[in-house]
Amino acid sequence: MKNVTLSADEDLIEQARLVARSRKTTLNAAFREWLVQFAAREGTARDVDILMERLRHVRAGRRFSREEMNER
């Protein structure tokens, strides 16, 4: 595992430590969890962009009204 050094306001770090402690974890573990989620969001957005590009040729045949698009 690689170490990363970050800079932040001392008060913010202390608040984050208190939140982590209340969740029975460490600030380091909370940051690792956030980093995984952050990286996954980017991957998901990229996947959607790729899919939309692949489906670019698909046409619905007509434009749908707002009501039709929101029907359940």
C-alpha atoms as a PDB file:
ATOM      1  CA  MET A   1       0.000   0.000   0.000  1.00  0.00           C
ATOM      2  CA  LYS A   2       1.329   3.424  -0.948  1.00  0.00           C
ATOM      3  CA  ASN A   3       1.356   6.394   1.435  1.00  0.00           C
ATOM      4  CA  VAL A   4      -0.090   9.745   0.392  1.00  0.00           C
ATOM      5  CA  THR A   5       0.514  13.060   2.140  1.00  0.00           C
ATOM      6  CA  LEU A   6      -2.303  15.604   2.123  1.00  0.00           C
ATOM      7  CA  SER A   7      -2.632  19.141   3.420  1.00  0.00           C
ATOM      8  CA  ALA A   8      -5.762  20.516   5.080  1.00  0.00           C
ATOM      9  CA  ASP A   9      -6.865  22.968   7.722  1.00  0.00           C
ATOM     10  CA  GLU A  10      -6.107  21.672  11.244  1.00  0.00           C
ATOM     11  CA  ASP A  11      -9.681  22.260  12.434  1.00  0.00           C
ATOM     12  CA  LEU A  12     -11.080  20.356   9.470  1.00  0.00           C
ATOM     13  CA  ILE A  13      -8.760  17.419  10.154  1.00  0.00           C
ATOM     14  CA  GLU A  14      -9.812  17.355  13.803  1.00  0.00           C
ATOM     15  CA  GLN A  15     -13.503  17.442  12.858  1.00  0.00           C
ATOM     16  CA  ALA A  16     -12.930  14.597  10.394  1.00  0.00           C
ATOM     17  CA  ARG A  17     -11.151  12.565  13.078  1.00  0.00           C
ATOM     18  CA  LEU A  18     -14.094  13.052  15.425  1.00  0.00           C
ATOM     19  CA  VAL A  19     -16.524  11.887  12.739  1.00  0.00           C
ATOM     20  CA  ALA A  20     -14.359   8.856  11.995  1.00  0.00           C
ATOM     21  CA  ARG A  21     -14.109   8.042  15.702  1.00  0.00           C
ATOM     22  CA  SER A  22     -17.899   8.252  16.068  1.00  0.00           C
ATOM     23  CA  ARG A  23     -18.150   5.721  13.224  1.00  0.00           C
ATOM     24  CA  LYS A  24     -15.634   3.487  15.005  1.00  0.00           C
ATOM     25  CA  THR A  25     -13.028   3.821  12.270  1.00  0.00           C
ATOM     26  CA  THR A  26      -9.907   5.841  11.582  1.00  0.00           C
ATOM     27  CA  LEU A  27      -9.502   8.882   9.389  1.00  0.00           C
ATOM     28  CA  ASN A  28      -7.110   6.850   7.249  1.00  0.00           C
ATOM     29  CA  ALA A  29      -9.683   4.057   6.734  1.00  0.00           C
ATOM     30  CA  ALA A  30     -12.430   6.599   5.982  1.00  0.00           C
ATOM     31  CA  PHE A  31     -10.216   8.271   3.386  1.00  0.00           C
ATOM     32  CA  ARG A  32      -9.428   4.919   1.730  1.00  0.00           C
ATOM     33  CA  GLU A  33     -13.180   4.174   1.541  1.00  0.00           C
ATOM     34  CA  TRP A  34     -13.836   7.616   0.027  1.00  0.00           C
ATOM     35  CA  LEU A  35     -11.023   7.125  -2.484  1.00  0.00           C
ATOM     36  CA  VAL A  36     -12.531   3.829  -3.689  1.00  0.00           C
ATOM     37  CA  GLN A  37     -15.940   5.488  -4.147  1.00  0.00           C
ATOM     38  CA  PHE A  38     -14.402   8.507  -5.882  1.00  0.00           C
ATOM     39  CA  ALA A  39     -12.517   6.339  -8.362  1.00  0.00           C
ATOM     40  CA  ALA A  40     -15.596   4.170  -9.019  1.00  0.00           C
ATOM     41  CA  ARG A  41     -17.747   7.192  -9.900  1.00  0.00           C
ATOM     42  CA  GLU A  42     -15.272   8.263 -12.550  1.00  0.00           C
ATOM     43  CA  GLY A  43     -15.182   4.780 -13.992  1.00  0.00           C
ATOM     44  CA  THR A  44     -18.973   4.667 -14.111  1.00  0.00           C
ATOM     45  CA  ALA A  45     -19.213   8.023 -15.875  1.00  0.00           C
ATOM     46  CA  ARG A  46     -16.631   6.897 -18.411  1.00  0.00           C
ATOM     47  CA  ASP A  47     -18.581   3.648 -18.976  1.00  0.00           C
ATOM     48  CA  VAL A  48     -21.768   5.620 -19.630  1.00  0.00           C
ATOM     49  CA  ASP A  49     -19.962   7.881 -22.105  1.00  0.00           C
ATOM     50  CA  ILE A  50     -18.611   4.846 -23.966  1.00  0.00           C
ATOM     51  CA  LEU A  51     -22.050   3.216 -24.061  1.00  0.00           C
ATOM     52  CA  MET A  52     -23.719   6.389 -25.327  1.00  0.00           C
ATOM     53  CA  GLU A  53     -21.129   6.673 -28.076  1.00  0.00           C
ATOM     54  CA  ARG A  54     -21.728   3.041 -29.085  1.00  0.00           C
ATOM     55  CA  LEU A  55     -25.506   3.660 -29.196  1.00  0.00           C
ATOM     56  CA  ARG A  56     -25.218   6.928 -31.103  1.00  0.00           C
ATOM     57  CA  HIS A  57     -26.753   5.365 -34.224  1.00  0.00           C
ATOM     58  CA  VAL A  58     -29.948   4.260 -32.398  1.00  0.00           C
ATOM     59  CA  ARG A  59     -32.993   6.390 -33.170  1.00  0.00           C
ATOM     60  CA  ALA A  60     -36.373   6.140 -31.443  1.00  0.00           C
ATOM     61  CA  GLY A  61     -38.183   7.107 -34.631  1.00  0.00           C
ATOM     62  CA  ARG A  62     -39.823  10.189 -33.129  1.00  0.00           C
ATOM     63  CA  ARG A  63     -39.485  12.654 -30.297  1.00  0.00           C
ATOM     64  CA  PHE A  64     -41.367  11.711 -27.141  1.00  0.00           C
ATOM     65  CA  SER A  65     -43.352  14.223 -25.103  1.00  0.00           C
ATOM     66  CA  ARG A  66     -42.394  14.984 -21.529  1.00  0.00           C
ATOM     67  CA  GLU A  67     -45.467  13.085 -20.316  1.00  0.00           C
ATOM     68  CA  GLU A  68     -44.543  10.004 -22.360  1.00  0.00           C
ATOM     69  CA  MET A  69     -40.971  10.004 -21.083  1.00  0.00           C
ATOM     70  CA  ASN A  70     -42.176  10.251 -17.469  1.00  0.00           C
ATOM     71  CA  GLU A  71     -44.867   7.552 -17.689  1.00  0.00           C
ATOM     72  CA  ARG A  72     -44.437   4.770 -15.216  1.00  0.00           C
END
